[in-house]
Amino acid sequence: MPTLRELILAAKLADLADHWLEARCCGATRLPLAMLADQRAGVTVRAVVDRLRCRQCGGKPASVVLIEHGAAGATGRGGSPEGWRLAL
């Protein structure tokens, strides 16, 4: 049985368009999946995660997290100001 992480990585960007990716390495960047889905129809989350690179060092991010929303301090649907986070 696939894990939640595996299911998310296999999902199409459009299926998770309400959420964001956060990549951390030498800095942090939040990417709205809705914007990526508009530009890359039919692409999976794994394809995007595999291509992410740090702008400063050029390496793969130290961590990539799927987050409920990209607005820091906004109220998430789960009631938490930061929303939920799932490490990929």
PDB file of N, CA and C in Angstrom:
ATOM      1  N   MET A   1       0.846  -1.181   0.000  1.00  0.00           N
ATOM      2  CA  MET A   1       0.000   0.000   0.000  1.00  0.00           C
ATOM      3  C   MET A   1       0.890   1.241   0.000  1.00  0.00           C
ATOM      4  N   PRO A   2       0.638   2.200  -0.921  1.00  0.00           N
ATOM      5  CA  PRO A   2       1.472   3.403  -0.978  1.00  0.00           C
ATOM      6  C   PRO A   2       1.272   4.292   0.253  1.00  0.00           C
ATOM      7  N   THR A   3       2.346   4.978   0.622  1.00  0.00           N
ATOM      8  CA  THR A   3       2.272   5.915   1.737  1.00  0.00           C
ATOM      9  C   THR A   3       1.636   7.223   1.265  1.00  0.00           C
ATOM     10  N   LEU A   4       1.256   8.068   2.201  1.00  0.00           N
ATOM     11  CA  LEU A   4       0.689   9.372   1.871  1.00  0.00           C
ATOM     12  C   LEU A   4       1.691  10.185   1.057  1.00  0.00           C
ATOM     13  N   ARG A   5       2.952  10.134   1.440  1.00  0.00           N
ATOM     14  CA  ARG A   5       4.016  10.845   0.712  1.00  0.00           C
ATOM     15  C   ARG A   5       4.067  10.382  -0.740  1.00  0.00           C
ATOM     16  N   GLU A   6       4.038   9.078  -0.973  1.00  0.00           N
ATOM     17  CA  GLU A   6       4.073   8.535  -2.335  1.00  0.00           C
ATOM     18  C   GLU A   6       2.853   8.960  -3.145  1.00  0.00           C
ATOM     19  N   LEU A   7       1.687   8.973  -2.509  1.00  0.00           N
ATOM     20  CA  LEU A   7       0.469   9.400  -3.199  1.00  0.00           C
ATOM     21  C   LEU A   7       0.539  10.875  -3.598  1.00  0.00           C
ATOM     22  N   ILE A   8       1.059  11.704  -2.716  1.00  0.00           N
ATOM     23  CA  ILE A   8       1.181  13.131  -3.020  1.00  0.00           C
ATOM     24  C   ILE A   8       2.180  13.351  -4.142  1.00  0.00           C
ATOM     25  N   LEU A   9       3.318  12.685  -4.096  1.00  0.00           N
ATOM     26  CA  LEU A   9       4.319  12.846  -5.145  1.00  0.00           C
ATOM     27  C   LEU A   9       3.799  12.392  -6.511  1.00  0.00           C
ATOM     28  N   ALA A  10       2.916  11.409  -6.525  1.00  0.00           N
ATOM     29  CA  ALA A  10       2.357  10.907  -7.783  1.00  0.00           C
ATOM     30  C   ALA A  10       1.177  11.742  -8.283  1.00  0.00           C
ATOM     31  N   ALA A  11       0.650  12.619  -7.436  1.00  0.00           N
ATOM     32  CA  ALA A  11      -0.524  13.422  -7.800  1.00  0.00           C
ATOM     33  C   ALA A  11      -0.168  14.474  -8.844  1.00  0.00           C
ATOM     34  N   LYS A  12      -1.131  14.814  -9.667  1.00  0.00           N
ATOM     35  CA  LYS A  12      -0.981  15.901 -10.637  1.00  0.00           C
ATOM     36  C   LYS A  12      -1.043  17.234  -9.878  1.00  0.00           C
ATOM     37  N   LEU A  13      -0.314  18.222 -10.363  1.00  0.00           N
ATOM     38  CA  LEU A  13      -0.314  19.535  -9.725  1.00  0.00           C
ATOM     39  C   LEU A  13      -1.726  20.086  -9.584  1.00  0.00           C
ATOM     40  N   ALA A  14      -2.540  19.894 -10.605  1.00  0.00           N
ATOM     41  CA  ALA A  14      -3.910  20.416 -10.574  1.00  0.00           C
ATOM     42  C   ALA A  14      -4.734  19.802  -9.442  1.00  0.00           C
ATOM     43  N   ASP A  15      -4.414  18.561  -9.053  1.00  0.00           N
ATOM     44  CA  ASP A  15      -5.153  17.900  -7.977  1.00  0.00           C
ATOM     45  C   ASP A  15      -4.873  18.530  -6.618  1.00  0.00           C
ATOM     46  N   LEU A  16      -3.746  19.213  -6.496  1.00  0.00           N
ATOM     47  CA  LEU A  16      -3.357  19.844  -5.229  1.00  0.00           C
ATOM     48  C   LEU A  16      -3.209  21.356  -5.390  1.00  0.00           C
ATOM     49  N   ALA A  17      -3.926  21.924  -6.341  1.00  0.00           N
ATOM     50  CA  ALA A  17      -3.762  23.330  -6.708  1.00  0.00           C
ATOM     51  C   ALA A  17      -4.048  24.310  -5.567  1.00  0.00           C
ATOM     52  N   ASP A  18      -4.762  23.895  -4.540  1.00  0.00           N
ATOM     53  CA  ASP A  18      -5.050  24.782  -3.408  1.00  0.00           C
ATOM     54  C   ASP A  18      -3.886  24.872  -2.426  1.00  0.00           C
ATOM     55  N   HIS A  19      -2.826  24.124  -2.657  1.00  0.00           N
ATOM     56  CA  HIS A  19      -1.727  24.035  -1.700  1.00  0.00           C
ATOM     57  C   HIS A  19      -0.436  24.593  -2.295  1.00  0.00           C
ATOM     58  N   TRP A  20       0.608  24.625  -1.486  1.00  0.00           N
ATOM     59  CA  TRP A  20       1.887  25.217  -1.871  1.00  0.00           C
ATOM     60  C   TRP A  20       3.022  24.245  -1.549  1.00  0.00           C
ATOM     61  N   LEU A  21       4.149  24.409  -2.239  1.00  0.00           N
ATOM     62  CA  LEU A  21       5.390  23.724  -1.881  1.00  0.00           C
ATOM     63  C   LEU A  21       6.314  24.745  -1.231  1.00  0.00           C
ATOM     64  N   GLU A  22       6.994  24.313  -0.189  1.00  0.00           N
ATOM     65  CA  GLU A  22       8.008  25.156   0.436  1.00  0.00           C
ATOM     66  C   GLU A  22       9.335  24.427   0.325  1.00  0.00           C
ATOM     67  N   ALA A  23      10.314  25.060  -0.322  1.00  0.00           N
ATOM     68  CA  ALA A  23      11.653  24.485  -0.475  1.00  0.00           C
ATOM     69  C   ALA A  23      12.617  25.292   0.380  1.00  0.00           C
ATOM     70  N   ARG A  24      13.459  24.562   1.138  1.00  0.00           N
ATOM     71  CA  ARG A  24      14.445  25.222   2.008  1.00  0.00           C
ATOM     72  C   ARG A  24      15.838  24.681   1.729  1.00  0.00           C
ATOM     73  N   CYS A  25      16.786  25.605   1.621  1.00  0.00           N
ATOM     74  CA  CYS A  25      18.203  25.256   1.492  1.00  0.00           C
ATOM     75  C   CYS A  25      18.978  26.426   2.097  1.00  0.00           C
ATOM     76  N   CYS A  26      19.555  27.269   1.259  1.00  0.00           N
ATOM     77  CA  CYS A  26      20.239  28.471   1.749  1.00  0.00           C
ATOM     78  C   CYS A  26      19.233  29.574   2.094  1.00  0.00           C
ATOM     79  N   GLY A  27      18.015  29.397   1.688  1.00  0.00           N
ATOM     80  CA  GLY A  27      16.903  30.301   1.956  1.00  0.00           C
ATOM     81  C   GLY A  27      15.622  29.490   1.857  1.00  0.00           C
ATOM     82  N   ALA A  28      14.492  30.156   1.823  1.00  0.00           N
ATOM     83  CA  ALA A  28      13.211  29.453   1.710  1.00  0.00           C
ATOM     84  C   ALA A  28      12.385  30.096   0.611  1.00  0.00           C
ATOM     85  N   THR A  29      11.688  29.250  -0.149  1.00  0.00           N
ATOM     86  CA  THR A  29      10.810  29.709  -1.215  1.00  0.00           C
ATOM     87  C   THR A  29       9.505  28.943  -1.131  1.00  0.00           C
ATOM     88  N   ARG A  30       8.394  29.640  -1.310  1.00  0.00           N
ATOM     89  CA  ARG A  30       7.075  29.006  -1.356  1.00  0.00           C
ATOM     90  C   ARG A  30       6.520  29.137  -2.763  1.00  0.00           C
ATOM     91  N   LEU A  31       6.090  28.015  -3.310  1.00  0.00           N
ATOM     92  CA  LEU A  31       5.580  27.963  -4.678  1.00  0.00           C
ATOM     93  C   LEU A  31       4.118  27.541  -4.678  1.00  0.00           C
ATOM     94  N   PRO A  32       3.223  28.355  -5.246  1.00  0.00           N
ATOM     95  CA  PRO A  32       1.809  27.972  -5.312  1.00  0.00           C
ATOM     96  C   PRO A  32       1.608  26.905  -6.390  1.00  0.00           C
ATOM     97  N   LEU A  33       1.048  25.778  -6.019  1.00  0.00           N
ATOM     98  CA  LEU A  33       0.827  24.711  -6.987  1.00  0.00           C
ATOM     99  C   LEU A  33      -0.178  25.115  -8.056  1.00  0.00           C
ATOM    100  N   ALA A  34      -1.097  26.024  -7.742  1.00  0.00           N
ATOM    101  CA  ALA A  34      -2.063  26.493  -8.740  1.00  0.00           C
ATOM    102  C   ALA A  34      -1.339  27.163  -9.908  1.00  0.00           C
ATOM    103  N   MET A  35      -0.349  27.978  -9.612  1.00  0.00           N
ATOM    104  CA  MET A  35       0.408  28.659 -10.657  1.00  0.00           C
ATOM    105  C   MET A  35       1.205  27.647 -11.487  1.00  0.00           C
ATOM    106  N   LEU A  36       1.822  26.710 -10.818  1.00  0.00           N
ATOM    107  CA  LEU A  36       2.587  25.683 -11.528  1.00  0.00           C
ATOM    108  C   LEU A  36       1.674  24.811 -12.382  1.00  0.00           C
ATOM    109  N   ALA A  37       0.486  24.505 -11.879  1.00  0.00           N
ATOM    110  CA  ALA A  37      -0.465  23.671 -12.625  1.00  0.00           C
ATOM    111  C   ALA A  37      -0.912  24.380 -13.895  1.00  0.00           C
ATOM    112  N   ASP A  38      -1.077  25.698 -13.834  1.00  0.00           N
ATOM    113  CA  ASP A  38      -1.469  26.479 -15.008  1.00  0.00           C
ATOM    114  C   ASP A  38      -0.396  26.412 -16.094  1.00  0.00           C
ATOM    115  N   GLN A  39       0.856  26.368 -15.668  1.00  0.00           N
ATOM    116  CA  GLN A  39       1.981  26.373 -16.601  1.00  0.00           C
ATOM    117  C   GLN A  39       2.369  24.978 -17.078  1.00  0.00           C
ATOM    118  N   ARG A  40       2.044  23.968 -16.301  1.00  0.00           N
ATOM    119  CA  ARG A  40       2.514  22.602 -16.592  1.00  0.00           C
ATOM    120  C   ARG A  40       1.374  21.590 -16.442  1.00  0.00           C
ATOM    121  N   ALA A  41       0.455  21.623 -17.347  1.00  0.00           N
ATOM    122  CA  ALA A  41      -0.708  20.725 -17.283  1.00  0.00           C
ATOM    123  C   ALA A  41      -0.256  19.266 -17.317  1.00  0.00           C
ATOM    124  N   GLY A  42      -0.806  18.478 -16.408  1.00  0.00           N
ATOM    125  CA  GLY A  42      -0.531  17.043 -16.375  1.00  0.00           C
ATOM    126  C   GLY A  42       0.754  16.633 -15.682  1.00  0.00           C
ATOM    127  N   VAL A  43       1.520  17.578 -15.161  1.00  0.00           N
ATOM    128  CA  VAL A  43       2.787  17.277 -14.501  1.00  0.00           C
ATOM    129  C   VAL A  43       2.529  16.852 -13.061  1.00  0.00           C
ATOM    130  N   THR A  44       3.332  15.912 -12.560  1.00  0.00           N
ATOM    131  CA  THR A  44       3.176  15.438 -11.187  1.00  0.00           C
ATOM    132  C   THR A  44       3.989  16.290 -10.209  1.00  0.00           C
ATOM    133  N   VAL A  45       3.623  16.177  -8.950  1.00  0.00           N
ATOM    134  CA  VAL A  45       4.366  16.857  -7.887  1.00  0.00           C
ATOM    135  C   VAL A  45       5.806  16.347  -7.876  1.00  0.00           C
ATOM    136  N   ARG A  46       6.003  15.044  -8.070  1.00  0.00           N
ATOM    137  CA  ARG A  46       7.364  14.469  -8.078  1.00  0.00           C
ATOM    138  C   ARG A  46       8.232  15.127  -9.149  1.00  0.00           C
ATOM    139  N   ALA A  47       7.689  15.368 -10.332  1.00  0.00           N
ATOM    140  CA  ALA A  47       8.457  15.989 -11.411  1.00  0.00           C
ATOM    141  C   ALA A  47       8.946  17.373 -11.016  1.00  0.00           C
ATOM    142  N   VAL A  48       8.111  18.125 -10.317  1.00  0.00           N
ATOM    143  CA  VAL A  48       8.504  19.457  -9.857  1.00  0.00           C
ATOM    144  C   VAL A  48       9.547  19.344  -8.750  1.00  0.00           C
ATOM    145  N   VAL A  49       9.300  18.492  -7.767  1.00  0.00           N
ATOM    146  CA  VAL A  49      10.231  18.333  -6.638  1.00  0.00           C
ATOM    147  C   VAL A  49      11.608  17.895  -7.135  1.00  0.00           C
ATOM    148  N   ASP A  50      11.656  16.973  -8.089  1.00  0.00           N
ATOM    149  CA  ASP A  50      12.932  16.486  -8.617  1.00  0.00           C
ATOM    150  C   ASP A  50      13.731  17.569  -9.330  1.00  0.00           C
ATOM    151  N   ARG A  51      13.048  18.593  -9.856  1.00  0.00           N
ATOM    152  CA  ARG A  51      13.732  19.647 -10.609  1.00  0.00           C
ATOM    153  C   ARG A  51      14.090  20.855  -9.765  1.00  0.00           C
ATOM    154  N   LEU A  52      13.617  20.930  -8.535  1.00  0.00           N
ATOM    155  CA  LEU A  52      13.903  22.087  -7.681  1.00  0.00           C
ATOM    156  C   LEU A  52      15.396  22.200  -7.389  1.00  0.00           C
ATOM    157  N   ARG A  53      15.920  23.416  -7.467  1.00  0.00           N
ATOM    158  CA  ARG A  53      17.310  23.700  -7.145  1.00  0.00           C
ATOM    159  C   ARG A  53      17.380  25.001  -6.363  1.00  0.00           C
ATOM    160  N   CYS A  54      18.353  25.099  -5.485  1.00  0.00           N
ATOM    161  CA  CYS A  54      18.589  26.307  -4.695  1.00  0.00           C
ATOM    162  C   CYS A  54      19.200  27.383  -5.597  1.00  0.00           C
ATOM    163  N   ARG A  55      18.682  28.590  -5.506  1.00  0.00           N
ATOM    164  CA  ARG A  55      19.211  29.685  -6.322  1.00  0.00           C
ATOM    165  C   ARG A  55      20.599  30.116  -5.875  1.00  0.00           C
ATOM    166  N   GLN A  56      20.938  29.891  -4.603  1.00  0.00           N
ATOM    167  CA  GLN A  56      22.227  30.346  -4.092  1.00  0.00           C
ATOM    168  C   GLN A  56      23.350  29.336  -4.317  1.00  0.00           C
ATOM    169  N   CYS A  57      23.115  28.065  -3.965  1.00  0.00           N
ATOM    170  CA  CYS A  57      24.194  27.074  -4.065  1.00  0.00           C
ATOM    171  C   CYS A  57      24.042  26.142  -5.269  1.00  0.00           C
ATOM    172  N   GLY A  58      22.855  26.128  -5.883  1.00  0.00           N
ATOM    173  CA  GLY A  58      22.634  25.282  -7.053  1.00  0.00           C
ATOM    174  C   GLY A  58      22.295  23.831  -6.742  1.00  0.00           C
ATOM    175  N   GLY A  59      22.311  23.469  -5.463  1.00  0.00           N
ATOM    176  CA  GLY A  59      22.013  22.088  -5.071  1.00  0.00           C
ATOM    177  C   GLY A  59      20.524  21.849  -4.883  1.00  0.00           C
ATOM    178  N   LYS A  60      20.190  20.585  -4.644  1.00  0.00           N
ATOM    179  CA  LYS A  60      18.799  20.248  -4.324  1.00  0.00           C
ATOM    180  C   LYS A  60      18.464  20.822  -2.953  1.00  0.00           C
ATOM    181  N   PRO A  61      17.205  21.196  -2.740  1.00  0.00           N
ATOM    182  CA  PRO A  61      16.824  21.746  -1.436  1.00  0.00           C
ATOM    183  C   PRO A  61      17.061  20.741  -0.305  1.00  0.00           C
ATOM    184  N   ALA A  62      17.380  21.266   0.860  1.00  0.00           N
ATOM    185  CA  ALA A  62      17.555  20.408   2.034  1.00  0.00           C
ATOM    186  C   ALA A  62      16.225  19.788   2.437  1.00  0.00           C
ATOM    187  N   SER A  63      15.124  20.521   2.216  1.00  0.00           N
ATOM    188  CA  SER A  63      13.802  19.981   2.521  1.00  0.00           C
ATOM    189  C   SER A  63      12.768  20.569   1.580  1.00  0.00           C
ATOM    190  N   VAL A  64      11.754  19.764   1.286  1.00  0.00           N
ATOM    191  CA  VAL A  64      10.602  20.210   0.505  1.00  0.00           C
ATOM    192  C   VAL A  64       9.372  19.768   1.279  1.00  0.00           C
ATOM    193  N   VAL A  65       8.458  20.704   1.495  1.00  0.00           N
ATOM    194  CA  VAL A  65       7.278  20.453   2.310  1.00  0.00           C
ATOM    195  C   VAL A  65       6.039  20.888   1.539  1.00  0.00           C
ATOM    196  N   LEU A  66       5.002  20.079   1.553  1.00  0.00           N
ATOM    197  CA  LEU A  66       3.699  20.481   1.041  1.00  0.00           C
ATOM    198  C   LEU A  66       3.002  21.192   2.180  1.00  0.00           C
ATOM    199  N   ILE A  67       2.539  22.424   1.933  1.00  0.00           N
ATOM    200  CA  ILE A  67       1.888  23.182   2.992  1.00  0.00           C
ATOM    201  C   ILE A  67       0.469  23.551   2.576  1.00  0.00           C
ATOM    202  N   GLU A  68      -0.359  23.763   3.564  1.00  0.00           N
ATOM    203  CA  GLU A  68      -1.770  24.056   3.323  1.00  0.00           C
ATOM    204  C   GLU A  68      -1.946  25.348   2.538  1.00  0.00           C
ATOM    205  N   HIS A  69      -1.182  26.377   2.865  1.00  0.00           N
ATOM    206  CA  HIS A  69      -1.299  27.661   2.189  1.00  0.00           C
ATOM    207  C   HIS A  69       0.028  28.390   2.286  1.00  0.00           C
ATOM    208  N   GLY A  70       0.228  29.357   1.443  1.00  0.00           N
ATOM    209  CA  GLY A  70       1.499  30.062   1.402  1.00  0.00           C
ATOM    210  C   GLY A  70       1.535  31.354   2.177  1.00  0.00           C
ATOM    211  N   ALA A  71       0.406  31.810   2.675  1.00  0.00           N
ATOM    212  CA  ALA A  71       0.354  33.089   3.382  1.00  0.00           C
ATOM    213  C   ALA A  71       0.702  32.898   4.849  1.00  0.00           C
ATOM    214  N   ALA A  72       1.856  33.363   5.245  1.00  0.00           N
ATOM    215  CA  ALA A  72       2.263  33.252   6.640  1.00  0.00           C
ATOM    216  C   ALA A  72       1.281  34.017   7.519  1.00  0.00           C
ATOM    217  N   GLY A  73       0.827  33.381   8.562  1.00  0.00           N
ATOM    218  CA  GLY A  73      -0.093  34.014   9.483  1.00  0.00           C
ATOM    219  C   GLY A  73      -1.553  33.952   9.058  1.00  0.00           C
ATOM    220  N   ALA A  74      -1.824  33.429   7.865  1.00  0.00           N
ATOM    221  CA  ALA A  74      -3.221  33.311   7.432  1.00  0.00           C
ATOM    222  C   ALA A  74      -3.887  32.155   8.158  1.00  0.00           C
ATOM    223  N   THR A  75      -5.176  32.205   8.280  1.00  0.00           N
ATOM    224  CA  THR A  75      -5.883  31.126   8.952  1.00  0.00           C
ATOM    225  C   THR A  75      -6.129  29.997   7.969  1.00  0.00           C
ATOM    226  N   GLY A  76      -5.657  28.813   8.308  1.00  0.00           N
ATOM    227  CA  GLY A  76      -5.858  27.653   7.455  1.00  0.00           C
ATOM    228  C   GLY A  76      -7.203  27.010   7.706  1.00  0.00           C
ATOM    229  N   ARG A  77      -7.593  26.138   6.811  1.00  0.00           N
ATOM    230  CA  ARG A  77      -8.883  25.466   6.973  1.00  0.00           C
ATOM    231  C   ARG A  77      -8.907  24.580   8.209  1.00  0.00           C
ATOM    232  N   GLY A  78      -7.747  24.143   8.646  1.00  0.00           N
ATOM    233  CA  GLY A  78      -7.699  23.318   9.835  1.00  0.00           C
ATOM    234  C   GLY A  78      -7.786  24.124  11.120  1.00  0.00           C
ATOM    235  N   GLY A  79      -7.872  25.445  11.001  1.00  0.00           N
ATOM    236  CA  GLY A  79      -7.991  26.288  12.179  1.00  0.00           C
ATOM    237  C   GLY A  79      -6.661  26.776  12.719  1.00  0.00           C
ATOM    238  N   SER A  80      -5.562  26.240  12.219  1.00  0.00           N
ATOM    239  CA  SER A  80      -4.242  26.642  12.689  1.00  0.00           C
ATOM    240  C   SER A  80      -3.756  27.845  11.879  1.00  0.00           C
ATOM    241  N   PRO A  81      -3.152  28.852  12.520  1.00  0.00           N
ATOM    242  CA  PRO A  81      -2.647  30.003  11.785  1.00  0.00           C
ATOM    243  C   PRO A  81      -1.622  29.617  10.712  1.00  0.00           C
ATOM    244  N   GLU A  82      -0.844  28.600  10.954  1.00  0.00           N
ATOM    245  CA  GLU A  82       0.156  28.163   9.995  1.00  0.00           C
ATOM    246  C   GLU A  82      -0.350  27.060   9.081  1.00  0.00           C
ATOM    247  N   GLY A  83      -1.472  26.450   9.384  1.00  0.00           N
ATOM    248  CA  GLY A  83      -1.969  25.353   8.561  1.00  0.00           C
ATOM    249  C   GLY A  83      -1.148  24.088   8.760  1.00  0.00           C
ATOM    250  N   TRP A  84      -1.457  23.063   7.997  1.00  0.00           N
ATOM    251  CA  TRP A  84      -0.723  21.803   8.127  1.00  0.00           C
ATOM    252  C   TRP A  84       0.462  21.779   7.172  1.00  0.00           C
ATOM    253  N   ARG A  85       1.429  20.912   7.466  1.00  0.00           N
ATOM    254  CA  ARG A  85       2.658  20.762   6.676  1.00  0.00           C
ATOM    255  C   ARG A  85       2.973  19.279   6.565  1.00  0.00           C
ATOM    256  N   LEU A  86       3.437  18.845   5.394  1.00  0.00           N
ATOM    257  CA  LEU A  86       3.796  17.450   5.186  1.00  0.00           C
ATOM    258  C   LEU A  86       5.118  17.384   4.437  1.00  0.00           C
ATOM    259  N   ALA A  87       6.161  16.852   5.084  1.00  0.00           N
ATOM    260  CA  ALA A  87       7.479  16.746   4.465  1.00  0.00           C
ATOM    261  C   ALA A  87       7.448  15.755   3.317  1.00  0.00           C
ATOM    262  N   LEU A  88       8.035  16.167   2.200  1.00  0.00           N
ATOM    263  CA  LEU A  88       8.154  15.297   1.050  1.00  0.00           C
ATOM    264  C   LEU A  88       9.597  14.865   0.914  1.00  0.00           C
TER     265      LEU A  88
END
